[in-house]
PDB file of N, CA and C in Angstrom:
ATOM      1  N   MET A   1      -8.390  -4.548 -35.858  1.00  0.00           N
ATOM      2  CA  MET A   1      -8.310  -5.324 -34.521  1.00  0.00           C
ATOM      3  C   MET A   1      -8.463  -4.905 -33.550  1.00  0.00           C
ATOM      4  N   HIS A   2      -9.923  -4.826 -33.539  1.00  0.00           N
ATOM      5  CA  HIS A   2     -10.357  -4.853 -32.702  1.00  0.00           C
ATOM      6  C   HIS A   2     -10.564  -5.786 -31.519  1.00  0.00           C
ATOM      7  N   SER A   3     -10.833  -5.547 -30.139  1.00  0.00           N
ATOM      8  CA  SER A   3     -11.070  -6.273 -29.090  1.00  0.00           C
ATOM      9  C   SER A   3      -9.833  -6.830 -29.039  1.00  0.00           C
ATOM     10  N   ALA A   4      -8.982  -6.355 -29.566  1.00  0.00           N
ATOM     11  CA  ALA A   4      -7.805  -7.242 -29.775  1.00  0.00           C
ATOM     12  C   ALA A   4      -7.078  -7.725 -28.213  1.00  0.00           C
ATOM     13  N   GLN A   5      -6.332  -8.870 -27.976  1.00  0.00           N
ATOM     14  CA  GLN A   5      -4.629  -8.446 -26.499  1.00  0.00           C
ATOM     15  C   GLN A   5      -3.864  -8.567 -26.902  1.00  0.00           C
ATOM     16  N   LEU A   6      -2.936  -7.814 -26.008  1.00  0.00           N
ATOM     17  CA  LEU A   6      -1.967  -7.604 -26.582  1.00  0.00           C
ATOM     18  C   LEU A   6      -1.347  -7.768 -25.514  1.00  0.00           C
ATOM     19  N   VAL A   7       0.491  -8.220 -25.643  1.00  0.00           N
ATOM     20  CA  VAL A   7       1.145  -8.613 -24.838  1.00  0.00           C
ATOM     21  C   VAL A   7       2.992  -7.523 -24.568  1.00  0.00           C
ATOM     22  N   THR A   8       2.642  -7.004 -23.884  1.00  0.00           N
ATOM     23  CA  THR A   8       4.211  -6.353 -23.065  1.00  0.00           C
ATOM     24  C   THR A   8       4.447  -6.638 -21.896  1.00  0.00           C
ATOM     25  N   SER A   9       5.820  -5.521 -21.720  1.00  0.00           N
ATOM     26  CA  SER A   9       6.659  -6.136 -20.509  1.00  0.00           C
ATOM     27  C   SER A   9       7.550  -5.366 -20.343  1.00  0.00           C
ATOM     28  N   LEU A  10       7.503  -5.361 -19.142  1.00  0.00           N
ATOM     29  CA  LEU A  10       7.622  -4.069 -17.909  1.00  0.00           C
ATOM     30  C   LEU A  10       8.843  -4.330 -17.262  1.00  0.00           C
ATOM     31  N   ALA A  11       9.546  -3.754 -17.216  1.00  0.00           N
ATOM     32  CA  ALA A  11      10.995  -4.020 -16.050  1.00  0.00           C
ATOM     33  C   ALA A  11      10.732  -3.234 -15.013  1.00  0.00           C
ATOM     34  N   ILE A  12      10.800  -2.695 -13.577  1.00  0.00           N
ATOM     35  CA  ILE A  12      10.507  -1.626 -12.516  1.00  0.00           C
ATOM     36  C   ILE A  12      11.179  -2.513 -11.884  1.00  0.00           C
ATOM     37  N   ILE A  13      12.212  -1.324 -11.912  1.00  0.00           N
ATOM     38  CA  ILE A  13      14.042  -1.199 -11.012  1.00  0.00           C
ATOM     39  C   ILE A  13      13.873  -0.641  -9.699  1.00  0.00           C
ATOM     40  N   GLY A  14      13.360  -1.194  -8.223  1.00  0.00           N
ATOM     41  CA  GLY A  14      12.600  -0.707  -7.179  1.00  0.00           C
ATOM     42  C   GLY A  14      14.388  -0.517  -6.239  1.00  0.00           C
ATOM     43  N   GLU A  15      14.016   0.351  -5.611  1.00  0.00           N
ATOM     44  CA  GLU A  15      15.344   0.939  -4.495  1.00  0.00           C
ATOM     45  C   GLU A  15      15.086  -0.031  -3.196  1.00  0.00           C
ATOM     46  N   SER A  16      14.047  -0.726  -3.022  1.00  0.00           N
ATOM     47  CA  SER A  16      14.094  -1.523  -2.430  1.00  0.00           C
ATOM     48  C   SER A  16      13.145  -2.694  -2.325  1.00  0.00           C
ATOM     49  N   PHE A  17      12.430  -4.013  -1.965  1.00  0.00           N
ATOM     50  CA  PHE A  17      11.417  -5.039  -2.598  1.00  0.00           C
ATOM     51  C   PHE A  17      10.649  -4.838  -1.851  1.00  0.00           C
ATOM     52  N   ASP A  18       9.956  -4.218  -0.551  1.00  0.00           N
ATOM     53  CA  ASP A  18       9.686  -3.557  -0.142  1.00  0.00           C
ATOM     54  C   ASP A  18       8.446  -2.286  -1.388  1.00  0.00           C
ATOM     55  N   GLN A  19       8.914  -2.261  -1.800  1.00  0.00           N
ATOM     56  CA  GLN A  19       7.945  -1.137  -3.095  1.00  0.00           C
ATOM     57  C   GLN A  19       7.349  -1.990  -4.098  1.00  0.00           C
ATOM     58  N   TRP A  20       7.495  -3.789  -4.116  1.00  0.00           N
ATOM     59  CA  TRP A  20       6.786  -4.421  -5.167  1.00  0.00           C
ATOM     60  C   TRP A  20       5.092  -4.684  -4.330  1.00  0.00           C
ATOM     61  N   GLN A  21       4.870  -4.166  -3.306  1.00  0.00           N
ATOM     62  CA  GLN A  21       3.938  -4.598  -2.773  1.00  0.00           C
ATOM     63  C   GLN A  21       2.879  -3.192  -3.434  1.00  0.00           C
ATOM     64  N   GLN A  22       3.368  -2.470  -3.893  1.00  0.00           N
ATOM     65  CA  GLN A  22       2.296  -1.136  -4.354  1.00  0.00           C
ATOM     66  C   GLN A  22       2.104  -1.535  -5.802  1.00  0.00           C
ATOM     67  N   ILE A  23       2.888  -2.324  -6.373  1.00  0.00           N
ATOM     68  CA  ILE A  23       2.383  -2.644  -7.671  1.00  0.00           C
ATOM     69  C   ILE A  23       2.059  -4.475  -7.760  1.00  0.00           C
ATOM     70  N   LYS A  24       2.006  -4.812  -6.573  1.00  0.00           N
ATOM     71  CA  LYS A  24       1.580  -6.317  -6.220  1.00  0.00           C
ATOM     72  C   LYS A  24       0.194  -5.907  -6.225  1.00  0.00           C
ATOM     73  N   GLU A  25      -0.296  -5.440  -5.403  1.00  0.00           N
ATOM     74  CA  GLU A  25      -1.740  -4.957  -5.255  1.00  0.00           C
ATOM     75  C   GLU A  25      -2.468  -4.652  -6.954  1.00  0.00           C
ATOM     76  N   LEU A  26      -2.468  -4.306  -7.554  1.00  0.00           N
ATOM     77  CA  LEU A  26      -2.548  -3.866  -8.514  1.00  0.00           C
ATOM     78  C   LEU A  26      -2.667  -4.771  -9.754  1.00  0.00           C
ATOM     79  N   CYS A  27      -1.494  -6.464  -9.444  1.00  0.00           N
ATOM     80  CA  CYS A  27      -1.422  -7.230 -10.217  1.00  0.00           C
ATOM     81  C   CYS A  27      -2.740  -8.129 -10.124  1.00  0.00           C
ATOM     82  N   GLU A  28      -3.297  -8.997 -10.952  1.00  0.00           N
ATOM     83  CA  GLU A  28      -4.094 -10.087 -11.570  1.00  0.00           C
ATOM     84  C   GLU A  28      -3.028 -11.350 -11.238  1.00  0.00           C
ATOM     85  N   GLN A  29      -2.007 -11.828 -11.322  1.00  0.00           N
ATOM     86  CA  GLN A  29      -1.787 -12.679 -10.716  1.00  0.00           C
ATOM     87  C   GLN A  29      -0.137 -11.860 -10.025  1.00  0.00           C
ATOM     88  N   SER A  30       0.504 -12.647  -9.346  1.00  0.00           N
ATOM     89  CA  SER A  30       1.337 -12.318  -9.397  1.00  0.00           C
ATOM     90  C   SER A  30       2.490 -13.834  -8.391  1.00  0.00           C
ATOM     91  N   THR A  31       3.851 -13.579  -8.311  1.00  0.00           N
ATOM     92  CA  THR A  31       4.601 -14.347  -7.604  1.00  0.00           C
ATOM     93  C   THR A  31       5.916 -13.564  -7.160  1.00  0.00           C
ATOM     94  N   ASP A  32       6.474 -14.169  -5.519  1.00  0.00           N
ATOM     95  CA  ASP A  32       8.085 -13.138  -5.102  1.00  0.00           C
ATOM     96  C   ASP A  32       7.709 -14.603  -4.287  1.00  0.00           C
ATOM     97  N   ASP A  33       9.248 -13.708  -3.287  1.00  0.00           N
ATOM     98  CA  ASP A  33       9.709 -15.025  -2.473  1.00  0.00           C
ATOM     99  C   ASP A  33      10.342 -13.778  -1.703  1.00  0.00           C
ATOM    100  N   SER A  34      10.449 -12.952  -1.668  1.00  0.00           N
ATOM    101  CA  SER A  34      11.231 -11.741  -0.899  1.00  0.00           C
ATOM    102  C   SER A  34      12.887 -11.576  -1.216  1.00  0.00           C
ATOM    103  N   SER A  35      13.293 -12.206  -2.461  1.00  0.00           N
ATOM    104  CA  SER A  35      14.273 -11.918  -2.671  1.00  0.00           C
ATOM    105  C   SER A  35      14.701 -10.902  -3.567  1.00  0.00           C
ATOM    106  N   GLY A  36      14.661 -10.289  -3.634  1.00  0.00           N
ATOM    107  CA  GLY A  36      13.994  -9.129  -4.519  1.00  0.00           C
ATOM    108  C   GLY A  36      14.184  -9.167  -5.704  1.00  0.00           C
ATOM    109  N   LEU A  37      13.458 -10.543  -6.423  1.00  0.00           N
ATOM    110  CA  LEU A  37      12.913 -10.252  -7.860  1.00  0.00           C
ATOM    111  C   LEU A  37      11.314 -10.920  -7.163  1.00  0.00           C
ATOM    112  N   ALA A  38       9.925 -10.140  -8.347  1.00  0.00           N
ATOM    113  CA  ALA A  38       8.986 -10.883  -8.143  1.00  0.00           C
ATOM    114  C   ALA A  38       7.948 -10.424  -9.849  1.00  0.00           C
ATOM    115  N   ALA A  39       7.479 -11.013  -9.806  1.00  0.00           N
ATOM    116  CA  ALA A  39       6.582 -10.942 -11.076  1.00  0.00           C
ATOM    117  C   ALA A  39       5.103 -10.799 -11.406  1.00  0.00           C
ATOM    118  N   GLY A  40       4.385 -10.172 -12.237  1.00  0.00           N
ATOM    119  CA  GLY A  40       3.253  -9.521 -11.798  1.00  0.00           C
ATOM    120  C   GLY A  40       2.629 -10.003 -13.429  1.00  0.00           C
ATOM    121  N   ILE A  41       1.232 -10.117 -13.220  1.00  0.00           N
ATOM    122  CA  ILE A  41       0.404  -9.949 -14.340  1.00  0.00           C
ATOM    123  C   ILE A  41      -0.418  -8.697 -14.539  1.00  0.00           C
ATOM    124  N   LEU A  42      -1.006  -8.030 -15.509  1.00  0.00           N
ATOM    125  CA  LEU A  42      -2.359  -6.993 -14.931  1.00  0.00           C
ATOM    126  C   LEU A  42      -2.837  -6.368 -16.452  1.00  0.00           C
ATOM    127  N   SER A  43      -3.802  -6.320 -16.220  1.00  0.00           N
ATOM    128  CA  SER A  43      -4.018  -5.987 -17.634  1.00  0.00           C
ATOM    129  C   SER A  43      -5.539  -4.527 -17.499  1.00  0.00           C
ATOM    130  N   ARG A  44      -4.711  -3.559 -18.867  1.00  0.00           N
ATOM    131  CA  ARG A  44      -5.684  -2.672 -18.930  1.00  0.00           C
ATOM    132  C   ARG A  44      -6.528  -2.554 -20.049  1.00  0.00           C
ATOM    133  N   ARG A  45      -7.894  -2.321 -20.410  1.00  0.00           N
ATOM    134  CA  ARG A  45      -8.627  -1.589 -21.559  1.00  0.00           C
ATOM    135  C   ARG A  45      -7.783  -0.165 -21.714  1.00  0.00           C
ATOM    136  N   ILE A  46      -7.446  -0.311 -23.306  1.00  0.00           N
ATOM    137  CA  ILE A  46      -6.672   1.581 -23.597  1.00  0.00           C
ATOM    138  C   ILE A  46      -7.979   0.902 -24.555  1.00  0.00           C
ATOM    139  N   GLU A  47      -9.012   2.521 -24.855  1.00  0.00           N
ATOM    140  CA  GLU A  47      -9.598   3.136 -25.544  1.00  0.00           C
ATOM    141  C   GLU A  47      -8.854   3.934 -27.436  1.00  0.00           C
ATOM    142  N   MET A  48      -8.424   3.717 -27.666  1.00  0.00           N
ATOM    143  CA  MET A  48      -8.452   4.597 -29.095  1.00  0.00           C
ATOM    144  C   MET A  48      -9.015   4.820 -30.087  1.00  0.00           C
ATOM    145  N   ASP A  49      -8.993   6.043 -31.112  1.00  0.00           N
ATOM    146  CA  ASP A  49      -9.783   6.252 -32.570  1.00  0.00           C
ATOM    147  C   ASP A  49     -10.465   4.421 -32.677  1.00  0.00           C
ATOM    148  N   PHE A  50      -9.842   3.908 -33.231  1.00  0.00           N
ATOM    149  CA  PHE A  50      -9.841   2.602 -33.757  1.00  0.00           C
ATOM    150  C   PHE A  50      -9.407   1.752 -33.446  1.00  0.00           C
ATOM    151  N   GLY A  51     -10.619   1.546 -32.113  1.00  0.00           N
ATOM    152  CA  GLY A  51     -10.715  -0.038 -31.502  1.00  0.00           C
ATOM    153  C   GLY A  51     -10.580   0.338 -29.841  1.00  0.00           C
ATOM    154  N   SER A  52     -10.667  -0.428 -29.131  1.00  0.00           N
ATOM    155  CA  SER A  52     -10.386  -1.104 -28.016  1.00  0.00           C
ATOM    156  C   SER A  52     -10.050  -2.044 -27.897  1.00  0.00           C
ATOM    157  N   PHE A  53      -8.734  -1.863 -27.109  1.00  0.00           N
ATOM    158  CA  PHE A  53      -7.834  -3.145 -27.175  1.00  0.00           C
ATOM    159  C   PHE A  53      -7.645  -3.296 -25.440  1.00  0.00           C
ATOM    160  N   THR A  54      -7.333  -4.113 -25.507  1.00  0.00           N
ATOM    161  CA  THR A  54      -6.542  -4.963 -23.679  1.00  0.00           C
ATOM    162  C   THR A  54      -5.572  -5.002 -24.229  1.00  0.00           C
ATOM    163  N   VAL A  55      -4.543  -4.705 -23.282  1.00  0.00           N
ATOM    164  CA  VAL A  55      -3.354  -4.930 -22.880  1.00  0.00           C
ATOM    165  C   VAL A  55      -2.856  -5.556 -22.078  1.00  0.00           C
ATOM    166  N   LYS A  56      -2.300  -6.700 -21.858  1.00  0.00           N
ATOM    167  CA  LYS A  56      -1.634  -7.415 -21.022  1.00  0.00           C
ATOM    168  C   LYS A  56      -0.013  -6.662 -20.342  1.00  0.00           C
ATOM    169  N   TYR A  57       0.136  -6.972 -19.342  1.00  0.00           N
ATOM    170  CA  TYR A  57       1.979  -6.542 -18.938  1.00  0.00           C
ATOM    171  C   TYR A  57       2.230  -7.332 -17.771  1.00  0.00           C
ATOM    172  N   LEU A  58       3.296  -7.811 -18.719  1.00  0.00           N
ATOM    173  CA  LEU A  58       4.146  -9.307 -17.792  1.00  0.00           C
ATOM    174  C   LEU A  58       5.648  -7.921 -17.048  1.00  0.00           C
ATOM    175  N   ILE A  59       4.716  -7.619 -15.455  1.00  0.00           N
ATOM    176  CA  ILE A  59       6.024  -6.660 -15.072  1.00  0.00           C
ATOM    177  C   ILE A  59       6.812  -7.777 -14.294  1.00  0.00           C
ATOM    178  N   LEU A  60       7.947  -7.362 -14.395  1.00  0.00           N
ATOM    179  CA  LEU A  60       9.681  -8.079 -13.657  1.00  0.00           C
ATOM    180  C   LEU A  60       9.732  -6.540 -12.403  1.00  0.00           C
ATOM    181  N   PHE A  61       9.604  -7.483 -11.124  1.00  0.00           N
ATOM    182  CA  PHE A  61       9.777  -6.022 -10.651  1.00  0.00           C
ATOM    183  C   PHE A  61      12.185  -6.540  -9.514  1.00  0.00           C
ATOM    184  N   ILE A  62      12.580  -5.755 -10.481  1.00  0.00           N
ATOM    185  CA  ILE A  62      13.548  -6.111  -9.732  1.00  0.00           C
ATOM    186  C   ILE A  62      14.426  -5.039  -8.536  1.00  0.00           C
ATOM    187  N   ASP A  63      14.868  -5.317  -7.579  1.00  0.00           N
ATOM    188  CA  ASP A  63      15.648  -4.404  -6.345  1.00  0.00           C
ATOM    189  C   ASP A  63      16.967  -4.286  -6.876  1.00  0.00           C
ATOM    190  N   GLN A  64      17.280  -3.014  -6.974  1.00  0.00           N
ATOM    191  CA  GLN A  64      18.609  -2.413  -7.192  1.00  0.00           C
ATOM    192  C   GLN A  64      20.079  -2.975  -6.547  1.00  0.00           C
ATOM    193  N   LYS A  65      19.950  -4.439  -5.734  1.00  0.00           N
ATOM    194  CA  LYS A  65      20.653  -4.242  -5.596  1.00  0.00           C
ATOM    195  C   LYS A  65      21.256  -5.644  -6.529  1.00  0.00           C
ATOM    196  N   PHE A  66      20.486  -5.891  -7.258  1.00  0.00           N
ATOM    197  CA  PHE A  66      21.006  -7.280  -8.165  1.00  0.00           C
ATOM    198  C   PHE A  66      21.615  -6.652  -9.543  1.00  0.00           C
ATOM    199  N   SER A  67      22.870  -7.297 -10.150  1.00  0.00           N
ATOM    200  CA  SER A  67      23.156  -6.925 -11.185  1.00  0.00           C
ATOM    201  C   SER A  67      22.254  -7.391 -12.060  1.00  0.00           C
ATOM    202  N   TYR A  68      21.661  -7.229 -13.551  1.00  0.00           N
ATOM    203  CA  TYR A  68      20.824  -8.151 -14.126  1.00  0.00           C
ATOM    204  C   TYR A  68      20.987  -7.556 -15.743  1.00  0.00           C
ATOM    205  N   ASN A  69      20.996  -8.322 -16.552  1.00  0.00           N
ATOM    206  CA  ASN A  69      20.987  -8.177 -18.064  1.00  0.00           C
ATOM    207  C   ASN A  69      19.512  -8.726 -18.702  1.00  0.00           C
ATOM    208  N   ILE A  70      18.742  -8.076 -18.120  1.00  0.00           N
ATOM    209  CA  ILE A  70      17.370  -7.479 -19.193  1.00  0.00           C
ATOM    210  C   ILE A  70      17.463  -7.219 -19.796  1.00  0.00           C
ATOM    211  N   LYS A  71      16.212  -7.523 -21.052  1.00  0.00           N
ATOM    212  CA  LYS A  71      16.036  -6.358 -22.191  1.00  0.00           C
ATOM    213  C   LYS A  71      14.542  -6.934 -22.480  1.00  0.00           C
ATOM    214  N   PRO A  72      13.872  -5.855 -21.259  1.00  0.00           N
ATOM    215  CA  PRO A  72      12.122  -6.152 -21.258  1.00  0.00           C
ATOM    216  C   PRO A  72      12.118  -4.824 -22.625  1.00  0.00           C
ATOM    217  N   THR A  73      10.765  -4.842 -23.103  1.00  0.00           N
ATOM    218  CA  THR A  73      10.069  -3.785 -23.913  1.00  0.00           C
ATOM    219  C   THR A  73       9.963  -2.560 -23.359  1.00  0.00           C
ATOM    220  N   PHE A  74      10.288  -2.588 -21.794  1.00  0.00           N
ATOM    221  CA  PHE A  74       9.822  -0.752 -21.358  1.00  0.00           C
ATOM    222  C   PHE A  74      10.750  -1.350 -19.781  1.00  0.00           C
ATOM    223  N   ARG A  75      11.201  -0.120 -19.438  1.00  0.00           N
ATOM    224  CA  ARG A  75      11.781  -0.182 -18.268  1.00  0.00           C
ATOM    225  C   ARG A  75      11.865   1.018 -17.367  1.00  0.00           C
ATOM    226  N   TYR A  76      11.841   0.788 -16.117  1.00  0.00           N
ATOM    227  CA  TYR A  76      11.469   2.349 -15.462  1.00  0.00           C
ATOM    228  C   TYR A  76      12.355   1.877 -13.976  1.00  0.00           C
ATOM    229  N   SER A  77      12.431   3.156 -13.442  1.00  0.00           N
ATOM    230  CA  SER A  77      12.869   2.856 -11.991  1.00  0.00           C
ATOM    231  C   SER A  77      11.339   3.331 -10.819  1.00  0.00           C
ATOM    232  N   MET A  78      11.272   2.217  -9.932  1.00  0.00           N
ATOM    233  CA  MET A  78      10.084   3.102  -9.530  1.00  0.00           C
ATOM    234  C   MET A  78       9.627   4.792  -8.877  1.00  0.00           C
ATOM    235  N   LYS A  79      11.590   5.249  -8.267  1.00  0.00           N
ATOM    236  CA  LYS A  79      11.022   6.740  -8.544  1.00  0.00           C
ATOM    237  C   LYS A  79      10.364   7.438 -10.028  1.00  0.00           C
ATOM    238  N   GLN A  80      10.672   7.124 -11.019  1.00  0.00           N
ATOM    239  CA  GLN A  80       9.986   7.309 -12.534  1.00  0.00           C
ATOM    240  C   GLN A  80       8.649   7.322 -12.245  1.00  0.00           C
ATOM    241  N   LEU A  81       7.226   5.883 -12.005  1.00  0.00           N
ATOM    242  CA  LEU A  81       6.378   5.004 -11.735  1.00  0.00           C
ATOM    243  C   LEU A  81       5.975   5.882 -10.718  1.00  0.00           C
ATOM    244  N   MET A  82       6.181   6.996  -9.358  1.00  0.00           N
ATOM    245  CA  MET A  82       5.896   7.653  -8.131  1.00  0.00           C
ATOM    246  C   MET A  82       5.359   8.739  -9.481  1.00  0.00           C
ATOM    247  N   GLU A  83       7.007   9.430 -10.004  1.00  0.00           N
ATOM    248  CA  GLU A  83       6.465  10.690 -10.416  1.00  0.00           C
ATOM    249  C   GLU A  83       5.170  10.901 -11.650  1.00  0.00           C
ATOM    250  N   GLU A  84       5.797  10.165 -12.147  1.00  0.00           N
ATOM    251  CA  GLU A  84       4.853   9.946 -13.615  1.00  0.00           C
ATOM    252  C   GLU A  84       3.902   9.520 -13.731  1.00  0.00           C
ATOM    253  N   GLY A  85       2.871   8.849 -11.951  1.00  0.00           N
ATOM    254  CA  GLY A  85       1.899   8.057 -12.083  1.00  0.00           C
ATOM    255  C   GLY A  85       1.758   6.711 -12.766  1.00  0.00           C
ATOM    256  N   ILE A  86       1.254   5.694 -11.941  1.00  0.00           N
ATOM    257  CA  ILE A  86       1.350   3.895 -12.783  1.00  0.00           C
ATOM    258  C   ILE A  86       0.455   4.103 -13.412  1.00  0.00           C
ATOM    259  N   GLU A  87      -0.487   4.827 -13.382  1.00  0.00           N
ATOM    260  CA  GLU A  87      -1.895   4.577 -14.095  1.00  0.00           C
ATOM    261  C   GLU A  87      -1.272   4.882 -15.340  1.00  0.00           C
ATOM    262  N   ASN A  88      -0.868   6.225 -15.459  1.00  0.00           N
ATOM    263  CA  ASN A  88      -0.294   7.297 -16.570  1.00  0.00           C
ATOM    264  C   ASN A  88       0.679   6.355 -17.573  1.00  0.00           C
ATOM    265  N   ILE A  89       1.848   5.836 -17.190  1.00  0.00           N
ATOM    266  CA  ILE A  89       2.527   4.690 -17.588  1.00  0.00           C
ATOM    267  C   ILE A  89       2.240   3.755 -18.438  1.00  0.00           C
ATOM    268  N   LEU A  90       1.527   2.575 -17.712  1.00  0.00           N
ATOM    269  CA  LEU A  90       0.570   1.974 -18.065  1.00  0.00           C
ATOM    270  C   LEU A  90      -0.215   2.489 -19.291  1.00  0.00           C
ATOM    271  N   ALA A  91      -1.048   3.695 -19.255  1.00  0.00           N
ATOM    272  CA  ALA A  91      -1.668   4.235 -20.526  1.00  0.00           C
ATOM    273  C   ALA A  91      -0.385   4.035 -21.709  1.00  0.00           C
ATOM    274  N   LYS A  92       0.450   5.076 -21.165  1.00  0.00           N
ATOM    275  CA  LYS A  92       1.241   5.734 -22.505  1.00  0.00           C
ATOM    276  C   LYS A  92       2.041   4.334 -22.717  1.00  0.00           C
ATOM    277  N   ILE A  93       2.120   3.069 -22.059  1.00  0.00           N
ATOM    278  CA  ILE A  93       2.937   1.765 -22.888  1.00  0.00           C
ATOM    279  C   ILE A  93       2.347   1.200 -23.410  1.00  0.00           C
ATOM    280  N   GLY A  94       0.348   1.216 -23.049  1.00  0.00           N
ATOM    281  CA  GLY A  94      -0.242   0.323 -24.172  1.00  0.00           C
ATOM    282  C   GLY A  94      -0.941   1.355 -25.362  1.00  0.00           C
ATOM    283  N   ARG A  95      -0.884   2.097 -24.969  1.00  0.00           N
ATOM    284  CA  ARG A  95      -0.848   2.768 -27.086  1.00  0.00           C
ATOM    285  C   ARG A  95       0.423   2.490 -27.505  1.00  0.00           C
ATOM    286  N   LYS A  96       1.395   2.793 -27.008  1.00  0.00           N
ATOM    287  CA  LYS A  96       2.704   2.436 -28.007  1.00  0.00           C
ATOM    288  C   LYS A  96       3.043   1.193 -28.689  1.00  0.00           C
ATOM    289  N   THR A  97       2.132  -0.293 -27.479  1.00  0.00           N
ATOM    290  CA  THR A  97       2.042  -1.292 -27.981  1.00  0.00           C
ATOM    291  C   THR A  97       1.034  -1.661 -29.163  1.00  0.00           C
ATOM    292  N   ILE A  98       0.308  -0.805 -29.133  1.00  0.00           N
ATOM    293  CA  ILE A  98      -0.819  -0.879 -29.875  1.00  0.00           C
ATOM    294  C   ILE A  98      -0.750  -0.078 -30.945  1.00  0.00           C
ATOM    295  N   ILE A  99      -0.284   0.732 -31.503  1.00  0.00           N
ATOM    296  CA  ILE A  99      -0.048   1.207 -32.522  1.00  0.00           C
ATOM    297  C   ILE A  99       1.701   0.650 -33.357  1.00  0.00           C
ATOM    298  N   ARG A 100       1.690  -0.085 -32.989  1.00  0.00           N
ATOM    299  CA  ARG A 100       3.174  -1.478 -33.119  1.00  0.00           C
ATOM    300  C   ARG A 100       2.396  -1.676 -33.748  1.00  0.00           C
ATOM    301  N   ALA A 101       1.681  -2.752 -32.885  1.00  0.00           N
ATOM    302  CA  ALA A 101       1.124  -4.124 -33.086  1.00  0.00           C
ATOM    303  C   ALA A 101       0.164  -3.178 -34.751  1.00  0.00           C
ATOM    304  N   GLN A 102      -0.430  -2.278 -34.747  1.00  0.00           N
ATOM    305  CA  GLN A 102      -0.916  -1.777 -35.572  1.00  0.00           C
ATOM    306  C   GLN A 102      -0.497  -1.910 -36.935  1.00  0.00           C
ATOM    307  N   MET A 103       1.038  -0.841 -36.475  1.00  0.00           N
ATOM    308  CA  MET A 103       2.140  -0.863 -37.876  1.00  0.00           C
ATOM    309  C   MET A 103       2.789  -2.259 -38.120  1.00  0.00           C
ATOM    310  N   LYS A 104       2.490  -3.304 -37.726  1.00  0.00           N
ATOM    311  CA  LYS A 104       3.023  -4.599 -38.128  1.00  0.00           C
ATOM    312  C   LYS A 104       2.241  -4.879 -38.792  1.00  0.00           C
ATOM    313  N   ASN A 105       0.992  -5.281 -38.583  1.00  0.00           N
ATOM    314  CA  ASN A 105      -0.247  -5.987 -38.945  1.00  0.00           C
ATOM    315  C   ASN A 105      -0.008  -4.630 -40.464  1.00  0.00           C
ATOM    316  N   LYS A 106       0.327  -3.400 -40.379  1.00  0.00           N
ATOM    317  CA  LYS A 106       0.041  -3.288 -42.068  1.00  0.00           C
ATOM    318  C   LYS A 106       1.092  -3.174 -42.922  1.00  0.00           C
ATOM    319  N   GLN A 107       1.831  -3.971 -42.199  1.00  0.00           N
ATOM    320  CA  GLN A 107       3.093  -4.160 -43.117  1.00  0.00           C
ATOM    321  C   GLN A 107       3.258  -4.903 -43.342  1.00  0.00           C
ATOM    322  N   ASP A 108       2.236  -6.577 -42.700  1.00  0.00           N
ATOM    323  CA  ASP A 108       2.347  -7.289 -42.825  1.00  0.00           C
ATOM    324  C   ASP A 108       1.347  -8.188 -44.180  1.00  0.00           C
ATOM    325  N   ILE A 109       0.121  -7.355 -44.015  1.00  0.00           N
ATOM    326  CA  ILE A 109      -0.626  -6.837 -44.716  1.00  0.00           C
ATOM    327  C   ILE A 109       0.107  -6.355 -46.474  1.00  0.00           C
ATOM    328  N   ARG A 110       1.081  -5.083 -46.753  1.00  0.00           N
ATOM    329  CA  ARG A 110       1.218  -4.859 -48.029  1.00  0.00           C
ATOM    330  C   ARG A 110       2.262  -6.409 -48.352  1.00  0.00           C
ATOM    331  N   SER A 111       2.641  -6.260 -47.895  1.00  0.00           N
ATOM    332  CA  SER A 111       4.091  -7.556 -47.994  1.00  0.00           C
ATOM    333  C   SER A 111       3.596  -8.972 -48.452  1.00  0.00           C
ATOM    334  N   THR A 112       2.504  -8.959 -47.535  1.00  0.00           N
ATOM    335  CA  THR A 112       1.616 -10.239 -48.590  1.00  0.00           C
ATOM    336  C   THR A 112       0.923  -9.873 -49.823  1.00  0.00           C
ATOM    337  N   SER A 113       0.752  -8.890 -50.047  1.00  0.00           N
ATOM    338  CA  SER A 113       0.133  -8.051 -51.373  1.00  0.00           C
ATOM    339  C   SER A 113       0.747  -8.500 -52.342  1.00  0.00           C
ATOM    340  N   PRO A 114      -0.274  -9.007 -53.588  1.00  0.00           N
ATOM    341  CA  PRO A 114       0.804  -9.310 -55.292  1.00  0.00           C
ATOM    342  C   PRO A 114       1.072  -8.122 -55.603  1.00  0.00           C
TER     343      PRO A 114
END
């Protein structure tokens, strides 16, 4: 799985839509309409003992004034992001995504073996 590309989703619940600007600056692509909802894509290269991986993050920003019923892979409040550090969280999510993909690939390989 060397230099594989993986994708994961991340929802960020913000206290106000103004907070989106901090995330938007990190994104390679983004969209917003000042309604309190926004989306962005960013990627990070994650180095692991067993290879180097590109993880793409689909980020959904939701102002807390909205009721929502979404189930992203990961969900954080803007407060958690600021306390832990955005880059630290992205690295943690990236590593989890890579490990899950590795485990899934090993299961798939074993299940197809005679």
